[in-house]
Amino acid sequence: MLDDYDKSKNLDKADEIETEHGKVAEAKFREWLSIFLPKKYAVTPGYIVSQGMSDENKLPHFDVIIYDHLESPVLWIKGNPDLSQRGTSRAIPAEHVRAVIEP
């Protein structure tokens, strides 16, 4: 995990705004957490949606959401062709979210 972070940090030095190493660190952390947690839980970046929210509310994006994978529907998926499957953002109903981690 740390090797991947260091490699991305070195590659990131050429960019005007260095953000790639943060994305790599978050992805590696989600990957590790997915292996560590019981299969009942899943880890995703994404959005938490409450039942009473209107469409006008702007949802914040969270880097790491741990949710009940067996019980929760995924309300929508926001893909990005540059990200892996683990990096795809998902919208999870609030009642199925168990933890949020923002590094």
C-alpha atoms as a PDB file:
ATOM      1  CA  MET A   1       0.000   0.000   0.000  1.00  0.00           C
ATOM      2  CA  LEU A   2       2.772   2.436   0.938  1.00  0.00           C
ATOM      3  CA  ASP A   3       4.821   1.560  -2.166  1.00  0.00           C
ATOM      4  CA  ASP A   4       1.880   2.414  -4.436  1.00  0.00           C
ATOM      5  CA  TYR A   5       1.391   5.687  -2.569  1.00  0.00           C
ATOM      6  CA  ASP A   6       5.078   6.617  -2.885  1.00  0.00           C
ATOM      7  CA  LYS A   7       5.121   5.778  -6.611  1.00  0.00           C
ATOM      8  CA  SER A   8       2.047   7.930  -7.285  1.00  0.00           C
ATOM      9  CA  LYS A   9       3.475  10.780  -5.222  1.00  0.00           C
ATOM     10  CA  ASN A  10       6.656  10.768  -7.324  1.00  0.00           C
ATOM     11  CA  LEU A  11       4.643  10.687 -10.568  1.00  0.00           C
ATOM     12  CA  ASP A  12       2.401  13.464  -9.238  1.00  0.00           C
ATOM     13  CA  LYS A  13       5.289  15.938  -8.876  1.00  0.00           C
ATOM     14  CA  ALA A  14       5.029  16.910 -12.542  1.00  0.00           C
ATOM     15  CA  ASP A  15       1.409  18.063 -12.143  1.00  0.00           C
ATOM     16  CA  GLU A  16       0.524  21.631 -11.228  1.00  0.00           C
ATOM     17  CA  ILE A  17      -1.893  20.405  -8.560  1.00  0.00           C
ATOM     18  CA  GLU A  18      -0.759  17.196  -6.889  1.00  0.00           C
ATOM     19  CA  THR A  19      -3.834  15.067  -6.123  1.00  0.00           C
ATOM     20  CA  GLU A  20      -3.179  11.672  -7.689  1.00  0.00           C
ATOM     21  CA  HIS A  21      -1.391  10.244  -4.645  1.00  0.00           C
ATOM     22  CA  GLY A  22      -4.487  10.945  -2.525  1.00  0.00           C
ATOM     23  CA  LYS A  23      -6.706   9.037  -4.949  1.00  0.00           C
ATOM     24  CA  VAL A  24      -4.282   6.112  -4.937  1.00  0.00           C
ATOM     25  CA  ALA A  25      -4.142   6.103  -1.133  1.00  0.00           C
ATOM     26  CA  GLU A  26      -7.946   6.116  -0.854  1.00  0.00           C
ATOM     27  CA  ALA A  27      -8.297   3.306  -3.412  1.00  0.00           C
ATOM     28  CA  LYS A  28      -5.669   1.152  -1.669  1.00  0.00           C
ATOM     29  CA  PHE A  29      -7.290   1.787   1.716  1.00  0.00           C
ATOM     30  CA  ARG A  30     -10.717   0.758   0.347  1.00  0.00           C
ATOM     31  CA  GLU A  31      -9.160  -2.354  -1.171  1.00  0.00           C
ATOM     32  CA  TRP A  32      -7.503  -3.311   2.136  1.00  0.00           C
ATOM     33  CA  LEU A  33     -10.678  -2.596   4.096  1.00  0.00           C
ATOM     34  CA  SER A  34     -12.733  -4.765   1.709  1.00  0.00           C
ATOM     35  CA  ILE A  35     -10.423  -7.696   2.401  1.00  0.00           C
ATOM     36  CA  PHE A  36     -10.397  -7.067   6.151  1.00  0.00           C
ATOM     37  CA  LEU A  37     -14.166  -6.665   6.746  1.00  0.00           C
ATOM     38  CA  PRO A  38     -16.669  -9.547   6.870  1.00  0.00           C
ATOM     39  CA  LYS A  39     -18.379 -10.186   3.509  1.00  0.00           C
ATOM     40  CA  LYS A  40     -21.618  -8.730   4.904  1.00  0.00           C
ATOM     41  CA  TYR A  41     -20.109  -5.272   4.454  1.00  0.00           C
ATOM     42  CA  ALA A  42     -18.937  -3.470   1.337  1.00  0.00           C
ATOM     43  CA  VAL A  43     -16.758  -0.413   0.896  1.00  0.00           C
ATOM     44  CA  THR A  44     -17.327   2.283  -1.718  1.00  0.00           C
ATOM     45  CA  PRO A  45     -16.773   5.950  -2.375  1.00  0.00           C
ATOM     46  CA  GLY A  46     -20.016   7.761  -2.951  1.00  0.00           C
ATOM     47  CA  TYR A  47     -23.077   9.465  -1.577  1.00  0.00           C
ATOM     48  CA  ILE A  48     -25.385   8.918   1.377  1.00  0.00           C
ATOM     49  CA  VAL A  49     -29.043   9.560   0.622  1.00  0.00           C
ATOM     50  CA  SER A  50     -31.641  10.228   3.328  1.00  0.00           C
ATOM     51  CA  GLN A  51     -35.318   9.468   2.700  1.00  0.00           C
ATOM     52  CA  GLY A  52     -36.529  13.025   3.262  1.00  0.00           C
ATOM     53  CA  MET A  53     -34.085  14.674   0.856  1.00  0.00           C
ATOM     54  CA  SER A  54     -35.382  16.478  -2.203  1.00  0.00           C
ATOM     55  CA  ASP A  55     -33.705  16.421  -5.607  1.00  0.00           C
ATOM     56  CA  GLU A  56     -32.610  20.000  -5.011  1.00  0.00           C
ATOM     57  CA  ASN A  57     -30.251  19.014  -2.171  1.00  0.00           C
ATOM     58  CA  LYS A  58     -26.615  18.752  -3.216  1.00  0.00           C
ATOM     59  CA  LEU A  59     -25.120  15.558  -1.853  1.00  0.00           C
ATOM     60  CA  PRO A  60     -21.580  15.568  -0.462  1.00  0.00           C
ATOM     61  CA  HIS A  61     -19.189  12.946  -1.793  1.00  0.00           C
ATOM     62  CA  PHE A  62     -17.504  10.681   0.776  1.00  0.00           C
ATOM     63  CA  ASP A  63     -14.211   8.882   0.148  1.00  0.00           C
ATOM     64  CA  VAL A  64     -14.964   5.727   2.153  1.00  0.00           C
ATOM     65  CA  ILE A  65     -18.454   4.455   2.981  1.00  0.00           C
ATOM     66  CA  ILE A  66     -18.915   1.130   4.754  1.00  0.00           C
ATOM     67  CA  TYR A  67     -22.411  -0.247   4.259  1.00  0.00           C
ATOM     68  CA  ASP A  68     -24.476  -3.415   4.685  1.00  0.00           C
ATOM     69  CA  HIS A  69     -23.864  -5.068   1.335  1.00  0.00           C
ATOM     70  CA  LEU A  70     -26.457  -7.806   1.831  1.00  0.00           C
ATOM     71  CA  GLU A  71     -29.387  -5.537   2.725  1.00  0.00           C
ATOM     72  CA  SER A  72     -28.724  -2.259   0.942  1.00  0.00           C
ATOM     73  CA  PRO A  73     -29.908  -1.314  -2.518  1.00  0.00           C
ATOM     74  CA  VAL A  74     -27.580   0.826  -4.585  1.00  0.00           C
ATOM     75  CA  LEU A  75     -29.681   3.807  -5.646  1.00  0.00           C
ATOM     76  CA  TRP A  76     -27.415   4.809  -8.520  1.00  0.00           C
ATOM     77  CA  ILE A  77     -23.864   4.392  -9.713  1.00  0.00           C
ATOM     78  CA  LYS A  78     -21.687   7.218 -10.941  1.00  0.00           C
ATOM     79  CA  GLY A  79     -18.964   5.702 -13.042  1.00  0.00           C
ATOM     80  CA  ASN A  80     -15.750   7.155 -14.310  1.00  0.00           C
ATOM     81  CA  PRO A  81     -13.891   5.385 -17.116  1.00  0.00           C
ATOM     82  CA  ASP A  82     -10.546   6.297 -15.532  1.00  0.00           C
ATOM     83  CA  LEU A  83     -11.360   4.557 -12.234  1.00  0.00           C
ATOM     84  CA  SER A  84     -11.405   0.907 -11.329  1.00  0.00           C
ATOM     85  CA  GLN A  85     -14.607  -0.870 -10.316  1.00  0.00           C
ATOM     86  CA  ARG A  86     -13.753  -0.167  -6.668  1.00  0.00           C
ATOM     87  CA  GLY A  87     -13.512   3.547  -7.450  1.00  0.00           C
ATOM     88  CA  THR A  88     -17.028   3.757  -8.872  1.00  0.00           C
ATOM     89  CA  SER A  89     -19.165   6.027  -6.679  1.00  0.00           C
ATOM     90  CA  ARG A  90     -22.418   4.569  -5.376  1.00  0.00           C
ATOM     91  CA  ALA A  91     -25.410   6.201  -3.689  1.00  0.00           C
ATOM     92  CA  ILE A  92     -26.364   4.298  -0.536  1.00  0.00           C
ATOM     93  CA  PRO A  93     -29.487   4.846   1.608  1.00  0.00           C
ATOM     94  CA  ALA A  94     -28.533   6.322   4.991  1.00  0.00           C
ATOM     95  CA  GLU A  95     -30.161   3.521   6.988  1.00  0.00           C
ATOM     96  CA  HIS A  96     -27.712   0.972   5.515  1.00  0.00           C
ATOM     97  CA  VAL A  97     -24.538   2.974   6.127  1.00  0.00           C
ATOM     98  CA  ARG A  98     -22.447   1.660   9.029  1.00  0.00           C
ATOM     99  CA  ALA A  99     -19.449   4.033   8.897  1.00  0.00           C
ATOM    100  CA  VAL A 100     -17.915   6.893   6.929  1.00  0.00           C
ATOM    101  CA  ILE A 101     -14.201   7.599   6.802  1.00  0.00           C
ATOM    102  CA  GLU A 102     -12.864  10.874   5.434  1.00  0.00           C
ATOM    103  CA  PRO A 103      -9.045  10.894   5.433  1.00  0.00           C
END
